[in-house]
Amino acid sequence: TGVFSADAAALNKIVGGFAISDTAANIQANQAALAADASHITSITTTSGTVTVGTALFVADESSLNNIAGGFAISDTAANIQANLAALAADASHITSITATSGTVTVGTGVFAADSAALNEIVGGFAISDTAANIQANLTALAADASLITSITATSGTVTVGTGVFSADAAALNKIV
C-alpha cells in the first residue's frame, strides 16, 4: 500500500486496473485511500492476518473492503453492530466474522428474520428479545438457528405451544429464559 499511495495516479492509468498485496495492518491503515480508488483495484490480498474493521469504517469503505480476497472481519460494540445490521447483512458474503466487543447483540424477531445473514456471523452468537406472540410466530426459524442463539427472552406474556410445536421447535424453546 506504500507504493500504491505514492504512485496511485500512474497505477490508475493501467487498463483493467491493478491488484494490491500487503499486510492486513497496512491495508487497514490505508483504507481511506483504497476506498477512494476502489474502482481501479481488481483485488486486495493480505499477506498476513485478517483485515478487521469497525462498523463506521465498514460503512465508509465497503467498496474497497469487498475487494479483499477471502473477506474481512468486523469488530465493534454490540450497539454499533445492532445499528448497522441491515448493511452488514447485505454484505454478509464478504464478512468472515463479526465480534461484539462489549455486550451481547440482542434483536427482535423482525430484525432476526431480516438480518440473519449477519447475525449468523457473530462470534459467540446473539440473543432474541421480543413479545411472546412474536416468538411463537417465529419458532420454526428460531429453531433452525438455535445453535447460534444464546438466549430468547419473552418481554410480555408466556410462550405457549402444543406438543407438536414443542417436538418440532424444542431447540428454540430450550433457549427461552
Protein backbone atom coordinates (compact mmCIF):
# COMPACT_ATOMS: atom_id res chain seq x y z
CA THR A 1 0.00 0.00 0.00
CA GLY A 2 3.00 2.31 0.34
CA VAL A 3 3.75 2.14 -3.38
CA PHE A 4 0.05 2.47 -4.12
CA SER A 5 -0.20 5.69 -2.10
CA ALA A 6 2.85 7.19 -3.79
CA ASP A 7 2.01 6.02 -7.32
CA ALA A 8 -1.80 5.99 -7.39
CA ALA A 9 -2.01 8.39 -10.34
CA ALA A 10 0.21 6.17 -12.51
CA LEU A 11 -1.45 2.95 -11.36
CA ASN A 12 -4.86 4.37 -12.24
CA LYS A 13 -3.77 4.54 -15.90
CA ILE A 14 -3.36 0.76 -16.11
CA VAL A 15 -6.12 -0.56 -18.36
CA GLY A 16 -8.15 -3.15 -16.46
CA GLY A 17 -6.95 -1.98 -13.07
CA PHE A 18 -4.39 -3.39 -10.66
CA ALA A 19 -4.15 -5.60 -7.57
CA ILE A 20 -2.95 -4.80 -4.06
CA SER A 21 -0.98 -7.23 -1.88
CA ASP A 22 0.13 -6.18 1.61
CA THR A 23 -0.19 -6.98 5.29
CA ALA A 24 -3.58 -6.70 6.95
CA ALA A 25 -2.22 -3.91 9.15
CA ASN A 26 -1.13 -1.83 6.14
CA ILE A 27 -4.40 -2.47 4.30
CA GLN A 28 -6.36 -1.34 7.38
CA ALA A 29 -4.18 1.74 7.81
CA ASN A 30 -4.72 2.80 4.18
CA GLN A 31 -8.44 2.02 3.83
CA ALA A 32 -9.43 5.61 3.01
CA ALA A 33 -7.04 5.77 0.04
CA LEU A 34 -8.02 2.28 -1.12
CA ALA A 35 -11.72 3.14 -0.91
CA ALA A 36 -11.18 6.32 -2.90
CA ASP A 37 -9.58 4.27 -5.66
CA ALA A 38 -11.73 1.12 -5.39
CA SER A 39 -12.94 1.32 -8.98
CA HIS A 40 -9.36 0.75 -10.23
CA ILE A 41 -8.48 -2.05 -7.80
CA THR A 42 -9.24 -5.56 -9.07
CA SER A 43 -8.38 -7.36 -5.82
CA ILE A 44 -6.72 -6.92 -2.46
CA THR A 45 -4.75 -9.78 -0.90
CA THR A 46 -3.49 -9.86 2.66
CA THR A 47 -0.04 -11.37 3.11
CA SER A 48 -0.56 -11.80 6.85
CA GLY A 49 -3.58 -11.75 9.11
CA THR A 50 -7.18 -10.74 8.59
CA VAL A 51 -8.35 -7.22 7.88
CA THR A 52 -10.61 -6.28 10.80
CA VAL A 53 -12.59 -3.04 10.87
CA GLY A 54 -15.33 -1.40 12.91
CA THR A 55 -18.78 -0.66 11.56
CA ALA A 56 -18.02 3.01 10.84
CA LEU A 57 -15.07 2.10 8.61
CA PHE A 58 -17.14 -0.70 7.04
CA VAL A 59 -19.88 1.77 6.08
CA ALA A 60 -17.37 4.32 4.75
CA ASP A 61 -15.08 1.90 2.88
CA GLU A 62 -17.29 -1.05 1.90
CA SER A 63 -16.32 -0.79 -1.78
CA SER A 64 -12.63 -1.43 -1.14
CA LEU A 65 -13.23 -3.94 1.66
CA ASN A 66 -15.28 -6.04 -0.76
CA ASN A 67 -12.17 -6.37 -2.96
CA ILE A 68 -10.32 -8.27 -0.22
CA ALA A 69 -9.79 -11.87 -1.29
CA GLY A 70 -11.25 -14.15 1.37
CA GLY A 71 -13.22 -11.35 3.02
CA PHE A 72 -12.75 -9.29 6.16
CA ALA A 73 -13.88 -9.25 9.78
CA ILE A 74 -15.92 -6.77 11.80
CA SER A 75 -15.18 -5.94 15.43
CA ASP A 76 -17.21 -3.30 17.26
CA THR A 77 -19.54 -2.74 20.19
CA ALA A 78 -22.80 -4.67 20.30
CA ALA A 79 -24.67 -1.36 19.98
CA ASN A 80 -22.80 -0.37 16.80
CA ILE A 81 -23.26 -3.81 15.30
CA GLN A 82 -27.01 -3.70 16.04
CA ALA A 83 -27.28 -0.23 14.50
CA ASN A 84 -25.64 -1.45 11.27
CA LEU A 85 -27.14 -4.94 10.96
CA ALA A 86 -29.01 -4.23 7.72
CA ALA A 87 -25.83 -3.07 5.95
CA LEU A 88 -23.83 -5.96 7.42
CA ALA A 89 -26.49 -8.47 6.32
CA ALA A 90 -26.46 -7.07 2.78
CA ASP A 91 -22.69 -7.65 2.65
CA ALA A 92 -22.54 -10.89 4.67
CA SER A 93 -20.96 -12.85 1.81
CA HIS A 94 -17.78 -10.76 2.24
CA ILE A 95 -17.70 -10.85 6.06
CA THR A 96 -15.80 -13.73 7.68
CA SER A 97 -16.83 -12.97 11.27
CA ILE A 98 -18.40 -10.31 13.48
CA THR A 99 -17.19 -9.80 17.05
CA ALA A 100 -19.12 -7.76 19.63
CA THR A 101 -16.51 -6.16 21.90
CA SER A 102 -18.96 -5.18 24.64
CA GLY A 103 -22.24 -6.83 25.45
CA THR A 104 -24.43 -9.19 23.50
CA VAL A 105 -26.11 -8.34 20.23
CA THR A 106 -29.82 -8.61 21.05
CA VAL A 107 -32.57 -8.28 18.44
CA GLY A 108 -36.27 -8.86 17.99
CA THR A 109 -37.74 -11.48 15.70
CA GLY A 110 -38.32 -8.97 12.88
CA VAL A 111 -34.65 -7.97 12.77
CA PHE A 112 -33.69 -11.63 13.14
CA ALA A 113 -35.75 -12.52 10.07
CA ALA A 114 -34.37 -9.61 8.02
CA ASP A 115 -30.72 -9.72 9.08
CA SER A 116 -29.97 -13.35 9.92
CA ALA A 117 -27.13 -13.47 7.38
CA ALA A 118 -25.14 -11.00 9.51
CA LEU A 119 -26.34 -12.37 12.83
CA ASN A 120 -25.06 -15.82 11.84
CA GLU A 121 -21.53 -14.39 11.50
CA ILE A 122 -21.42 -13.16 15.12
CA VAL A 123 -18.77 -14.97 17.14
CA GLY A 124 -20.40 -16.45 20.24
CA GLY A 125 -23.94 -15.95 18.92
CA PHE A 126 -26.69 -13.44 19.62
CA ALA A 127 -29.84 -13.09 21.75
CA ILE A 128 -33.51 -12.65 20.88
CA SER A 129 -35.85 -10.43 22.89
CA ASP A 130 -39.44 -9.94 21.77
CA THR A 131 -43.04 -10.45 22.76
CA ALA A 132 -44.25 -13.98 23.42
CA ALA A 133 -46.57 -13.70 20.41
CA ASN A 134 -43.71 -12.76 18.05
CA ILE A 135 -41.51 -15.52 19.44
CA GLN A 136 -44.30 -18.07 18.93
CA ALA A 137 -44.89 -16.86 15.38
CA ASN A 138 -41.18 -17.30 14.53
CA LEU A 139 -40.36 -20.51 16.40
CA THR A 140 -39.55 -22.53 13.29
CA ALA A 141 -36.96 -20.00 12.08
CA LEU A 142 -35.57 -19.59 15.61
CA ALA A 143 -35.24 -23.37 15.97
CA ALA A 144 -33.32 -23.52 12.69
CA ASP A 145 -30.78 -21.03 14.12
CA ALA A 146 -30.86 -22.30 17.71
CA SER A 147 -27.18 -23.25 17.75
CA LEU A 148 -26.29 -19.57 17.21
CA ILE A 149 -28.84 -18.09 19.64
CA THR A 150 -27.58 -17.64 23.21
CA SER A 151 -30.98 -16.89 24.75
CA ILE A 152 -34.56 -15.95 23.95
CA THR A 153 -36.46 -13.58 26.23
CA ALA A 154 -40.24 -13.07 26.06
CA THR A 155 -40.85 -9.44 27.03
CA SER A 156 -44.58 -9.86 27.57
CA GLY A 157 -46.62 -12.95 28.16
CA THR A 158 -45.70 -16.60 28.17
CA VAL A 159 -44.75 -18.63 25.13
CA THR A 160 -47.37 -21.38 25.00
CA VAL A 161 -47.22 -24.21 22.46
CA GLY A 162 -48.78 -27.60 21.84
CA THR A 163 -46.86 -30.86 21.90
CA GLY A 164 -46.39 -30.91 18.12
CA VAL A 165 -44.72 -27.50 18.11
CA PHE A 166 -42.77 -28.45 21.22
CA SER A 167 -41.33 -31.50 19.47
CA ALA A 168 -40.55 -29.62 16.26
CA ASP A 169 -39.11 -26.46 17.85
CA ALA A 170 -37.59 -27.74 21.10
CA ALA A 171 -34.17 -26.34 20.20
CA ALA A 172 -35.54 -22.77 20.26
CA LEU A 173 -37.86 -23.36 23.19
CA ASN A 174 -34.91 -24.55 25.29
CA LYS A 175 -33.26 -21.12 24.79
CA ILE A 176 -36.12 -19.23 26.47
CA VAL A 177 -35.04 -17.70 29.76
